[in-house]
Protein backbone atom coordinates (compact mmCIF):
# COMPACT_ATOMS: atom_id res chain seq x y z
CA MET A 1 0.00 0.00 0.00
CA GLU A 2 1.27 3.46 -0.91
CA VAL A 3 0.73 6.44 1.34
CA SER A 4 -0.28 9.82 -0.08
CA ARG A 5 2.31 12.57 -0.22
CA ASP A 6 0.26 14.81 2.08
CA HIS A 7 -0.05 12.11 4.73
CA PHE A 8 3.64 11.26 4.52
CA VAL A 9 4.75 14.89 4.83
CA THR A 10 2.39 15.40 7.78
CA PHE A 11 3.83 12.32 9.46
CA LEU A 12 7.41 13.55 8.97
CA LEU A 13 6.55 17.04 10.24
CA ARG A 14 4.89 15.67 13.37
CA LEU A 15 7.97 13.64 14.13
CA ALA A 16 10.38 16.47 13.34
CA ASP A 17 8.38 19.01 15.35
CA ASP A 18 8.37 16.74 18.41
CA HIS A 19 12.16 16.57 18.32
CA LEU A 20 12.82 20.22 17.51
CA ILE A 21 10.52 21.60 20.18
CA LEU A 22 11.73 19.23 22.89
CA GLY A 23 15.35 19.82 21.87
CA HIS A 24 14.80 23.56 22.22
CA ARG A 25 13.14 23.13 25.60
CA LEU A 26 16.03 21.02 26.86
CA SER A 27 18.61 23.48 25.53
CA GLU A 28 17.12 26.10 27.87
CA TRP A 29 18.86 24.27 30.71
CA CYS A 30 22.33 24.93 29.28
CA GLY A 31 24.28 26.78 31.97
CA HIS A 32 21.52 26.25 34.53
CA ALA A 33 21.71 22.53 35.33
CA PRO A 34 22.10 21.55 39.01
CA MET A 35 25.53 19.98 38.47
CA LEU A 36 28.36 20.17 35.93
CA GLU A 37 27.81 16.68 34.53
CA GLU A 38 24.19 17.52 33.74
CA ASP A 39 25.22 20.82 32.20
CA LEU A 40 27.03 18.65 29.64
CA ALA A 41 24.55 15.76 29.40
CA MET A 42 21.37 17.77 28.87
CA PRO A 43 22.63 19.91 25.95
CA ASN A 44 24.05 16.76 24.37
CA ILE A 45 20.62 15.10 24.53
CA ALA A 46 19.18 18.29 23.05
CA LEU A 47 21.69 18.08 20.21
CA ASP A 48 20.64 14.49 19.53
CA LEU A 49 17.02 15.59 19.29
CA ILE A 50 17.74 18.57 17.07
CA GLY A 51 19.95 16.43 14.83
CA GLN A 52 17.09 13.96 14.40
CA ALA A 53 14.72 16.87 13.70
CA ARG A 54 17.05 18.23 11.04
CA ALA A 55 17.23 14.92 9.19
CA LEU A 56 13.44 14.65 9.26
CA TYR A 57 12.91 18.24 8.07
CA GLN A 58 15.33 17.69 5.21
CA TYR A 59 13.43 14.61 4.15
CA ALA A 60 10.04 16.30 4.58
CA ALA A 61 11.16 19.18 2.35
CA GLU A 62 12.36 16.72 -0.28
CA VAL A 63 9.13 14.72 -0.24
CA GLU A 64 6.96 17.86 -0.23
CA GLY A 65 8.72 19.19 -3.33
CA LYS A 66 7.64 22.80 -2.89
CA GLY A 67 11.09 24.33 -2.68
CA ARG A 68 11.07 24.77 1.08
CA SER A 69 14.25 24.05 3.04
CA GLU A 70 14.79 22.48 6.43
CA ASP A 71 15.17 26.01 7.86
CA ASP A 72 11.87 27.09 6.34
CA LEU A 73 10.10 24.16 7.96
CA ALA A 74 11.84 24.56 11.31
CA TYR A 75 11.70 28.34 11.70
CA LEU A 76 9.22 29.96 9.34
CA ARG A 77 5.90 28.31 10.07
CA ARG A 78 3.10 29.75 12.17
CA GLU A 79 2.16 28.29 15.53
CA ARG A 80 -0.86 26.42 14.18
CA GLU A 81 1.33 24.77 11.54
CA TYR A 82 3.47 22.99 14.14
CA LEU A 83 2.21 19.46 14.78
CA ASN A 84 4.15 18.40 17.87
CA CYS A 85 2.49 16.67 20.79
CA LEU A 86 1.65 18.90 23.74
CA MET A 87 4.04 17.23 26.17
CA VAL A 88 7.20 18.45 24.44
CA GLU A 89 6.19 22.11 24.53
CA ARG A 90 5.43 22.14 28.25
CA PRO A 91 7.65 24.55 30.24
CA ASN A 92 10.66 22.96 31.88
CA GLY A 93 9.53 23.44 35.47
CA ASP A 94 12.06 22.10 37.93
CA PHE A 95 14.72 19.47 37.24
CA ALA A 96 12.42 16.60 38.22
CA HIS A 97 9.76 17.78 35.76
CA THR A 98 12.30 18.06 32.93
CA MET A 99 13.78 14.62 33.57
CA LEU A 100 10.39 12.93 33.70
CA ARG A 101 9.22 14.66 30.51
CA GLN A 102 12.38 13.51 28.74
CA PHE A 103 12.02 10.00 30.14
CA TYR A 104 8.43 9.70 28.91
CA PHE A 105 9.36 10.86 25.43
CA ALA A 106 12.39 8.57 25.23
CA ALA A 107 10.37 5.60 26.50
CA PHE A 108 7.96 6.21 23.62
CA MET A 109 10.54 6.90 20.92
CA HIS A 110 12.83 3.96 21.69
CA PRO A 111 10.39 1.25 20.50
CA PHE A 112 9.26 3.59 17.71
CA TRP A 113 12.78 3.91 16.29
CA GLU A 114 13.44 0.20 16.81
CA LYS A 115 10.48 -0.72 14.62
CA ALA A 116 11.07 2.12 12.17
CA SER A 117 14.59 0.82 11.51
CA ALA A 118 12.85 -1.91 9.47
CA SER A 119 10.73 0.66 7.60
CA THR A 120 9.74 0.11 3.99
CA ASP A 121 11.02 3.65 3.45
CA GLU A 122 14.78 3.44 3.09
CA THR A 123 15.50 7.00 4.20
CA LEU A 124 13.42 6.76 7.35
CA ALA A 125 15.00 3.39 8.16
CA GLY A 126 18.43 5.04 8.01
CA ILE A 127 17.36 7.88 10.30
CA ALA A 128 15.85 5.37 12.72
CA ALA A 129 18.96 3.17 12.83
CA LYS A 130 21.04 6.10 14.10
CA ALA A 131 18.35 7.53 16.36
CA VAL A 132 17.65 4.30 18.24
CA LYS A 133 21.23 4.23 19.52
CA GLU A 134 20.93 7.78 20.81
CA VAL A 135 17.53 7.38 22.42
CA SER A 136 18.55 4.19 24.24
CA TYR A 137 20.98 6.39 26.18
CA HIS A 138 18.23 8.95 26.82
CA VAL A 139 16.02 6.25 28.36
CA ARG A 140 18.81 5.04 30.61
CA HIS A 141 20.07 8.47 31.66
CA CYS A 142 16.69 10.01 32.41
CA GLY A 143 15.34 6.81 33.96
CA GLU A 144 18.23 6.80 36.42
CA TRP A 145 17.33 10.35 37.44
CA VAL A 146 13.68 9.46 37.91
CA ILE A 147 14.75 6.68 40.27
CA ARG A 148 17.32 8.82 42.04
CA LEU A 149 14.84 11.60 42.73
CA GLY A 150 11.83 9.39 43.43
CA ASP A 151 13.82 7.25 45.87
CA GLY A 152 15.82 10.18 47.26
CA THR A 153 15.10 12.77 49.88
CA GLU A 154 11.66 13.79 51.02
CA GLU A 155 11.99 16.94 48.93
CA SER A 156 13.15 15.19 45.75
CA ALA A 157 10.44 12.53 46.05
CA ALA A 158 7.77 15.19 46.46
CA ARG A 159 9.01 17.04 43.39
CA MET A 160 9.05 13.89 41.27
CA LYS A 161 5.53 12.95 42.39
CA ALA A 162 4.39 16.46 41.49
CA ALA A 163 5.97 16.04 38.05
CA VAL A 164 4.10 12.75 37.56
CA GLU A 165 0.81 14.45 38.38
CA ALA A 166 1.55 17.44 36.14
CA LEU A 167 2.56 15.41 33.07
CA ALA A 168 0.02 12.60 33.35
CA PRO A 169 -2.61 14.39 31.19
CA TYR A 170 -0.15 14.61 28.28
CA VAL A 171 0.89 10.95 28.03
CA ASP A 172 -2.07 9.50 26.13
CA GLU A 173 -1.65 11.89 23.20
CA LEU A 174 1.57 10.08 22.29
CA PHE A 175 -0.50 7.03 21.31
CA GLU A 176 -3.30 8.69 19.37
CA THR A 177 -4.28 7.19 16.03
CA ASP A 178 -5.75 9.06 13.08
CA ALA A 179 -5.85 8.81 9.26
CA VAL A 180 -2.20 9.86 8.95
CA SER A 181 -0.77 7.36 11.45
CA GLU A 182 -3.00 4.59 10.05
CA ALA A 183 -1.87 5.22 6.47
CA VAL A 184 1.81 5.29 7.42
CA SER A 185 1.44 2.15 9.51
CA LYS A 186 -0.40 0.19 6.80
CA ALA A 187 2.31 1.14 4.31
CA GLY A 188 4.94 -0.34 6.64
CA ILE A 189 6.69 3.00 7.00
CA ALA A 190 6.39 3.37 10.77
CA PRO A 191 4.64 1.60 13.64
CA ALA A 192 1.16 2.61 14.74
CA PRO A 193 1.49 4.73 17.91
CA ALA A 194 -0.98 2.55 19.81
CA SER A 195 1.20 -0.52 19.15
CA LEU A 196 3.97 1.03 21.27
CA ARG A 197 1.88 1.37 24.42
CA SER A 198 2.82 -1.98 26.00
CA SER A 199 6.54 -1.33 25.54
CA PHE A 200 6.19 2.19 26.94
CA ASP A 201 4.18 0.98 29.93
CA SER A 202 6.71 -1.76 30.64
CA THR A 203 9.62 0.72 30.67
CA VAL A 204 7.75 3.23 32.82
CA GLN A 205 6.51 0.62 35.28
CA ARG A 206 10.00 -0.82 35.72
CA VAL A 207 11.49 2.58 36.52
CA PHE A 208 8.54 3.73 38.62
CA ALA A 209 8.76 0.57 40.75
CA GLU A 210 12.33 1.49 41.70
CA ALA A 211 11.38 5.13 42.21
CA PHE A 212 8.37 4.30 44.41
CA LEU A 213 6.04 6.11 42.01
CA ASP A 214 2.56 5.31 40.76
CA MET A 215 1.13 6.34 37.42
CA PRO A 216 -2.09 8.25 38.13
CA GLU A 217 -5.22 7.75 36.05
CA THR A 218 -6.19 10.71 33.91
CA ALA A 219 -9.86 11.49 33.49
CA TRP A 220 -9.32 14.22 30.90
CA PRO A 221 -6.24 13.63 28.71
CA GLN A 222 -4.99 16.69 26.86
CA THR A 223 -4.94 16.57 23.08
CA GLY A 224 -4.80 18.78 19.99
CA GLY A 225 -1.09 19.16 19.30
CA ARG A 226 -1.18 16.89 16.25
CA GLN A 227 -3.80 19.21 14.74
CA GLY A 228 -1.85 22.38 15.55
CA ARG A 229 -3.77 23.35 18.68
CA HIS A 230 -1.21 24.31 21.31
CA GLY A 231 -1.00 25.78 24.78
CA GLU A 232 -0.04 29.33 25.67
CA ALA A 233 3.60 28.35 26.26
CA MET A 234 4.09 27.43 22.60
CA GLY A 235 3.82 31.01 21.37
CA TYR A 236 6.55 32.20 23.72
CA LEU A 237 8.74 29.24 22.75
CA LEU A 238 8.42 30.01 19.04
CA ALA A 239 9.12 33.71 19.59
CA GLU A 240 12.53 32.74 20.96
CA LEU A 241 13.16 29.84 18.58
CA GLN A 242 12.39 31.86 15.45
CA HIS A 243 13.92 35.19 16.51
CA ILE A 244 17.16 35.07 14.53
CA GLN A 245 15.61 33.68 11.34
CA ARG A 246 12.83 36.28 11.36
CA THR A 247 15.21 39.12 12.27
CA TYR A 248 17.67 38.16 9.52
CA PRO A 249 15.55 36.43 6.84
CA GLY A 250 17.43 33.93 4.74
CA ALA A 251 20.51 33.92 6.97
CA VAL A 252 22.54 30.71 6.82
CA TRP A 253 25.39 29.33 8.89
């Protein structure tokens, strides 16, 4: 089965936007991390994410065939044109919040990239083969911090539990299925998001057991990011992210 160009480009943009926006969020910690090792580790994870985003934007521009570049797609779209999930745009909060957000995303992307490495699309398979090695480190690094804080002091445990409560409404959106994800999945290009839930839950439950954390039930999951409906924080994020490109149009490195 072949997937339409519009569906394929939308799929690639969703994936690229997730990585760009989260990479930008994580980069905001540079120079502000609680210890020197994390001041190196967190920007390096951000660089992994932005590198993955760049490869996806390049491919999306090629498939789209409208003459747009990776920079156009990354920096010159309006807020409603970004298709990232809501979790990645959430403000950093404290260190516990940032680590848990990164852990959730990595726990989702690791099985995604594993399956996508066998994609029927050769280019995506190549991107996935590199990305899965990077994200396996993200899962381990952030998971260790979730455990360390959850099973740490009274203060650190309270902060991690607060992070769990704050981010719980944004987890289910990762696994949403629509016409785009169904078409891509049926074409063998990428796994259906819902098919990754058991692997994600297994990873989270293993880490949460060591961190003495429970995953709360969410009565009203937040959604809309995949359709371009974002929270207030997204506008401020894009104002900073796009500043240089909009101030100096067409500038290149």
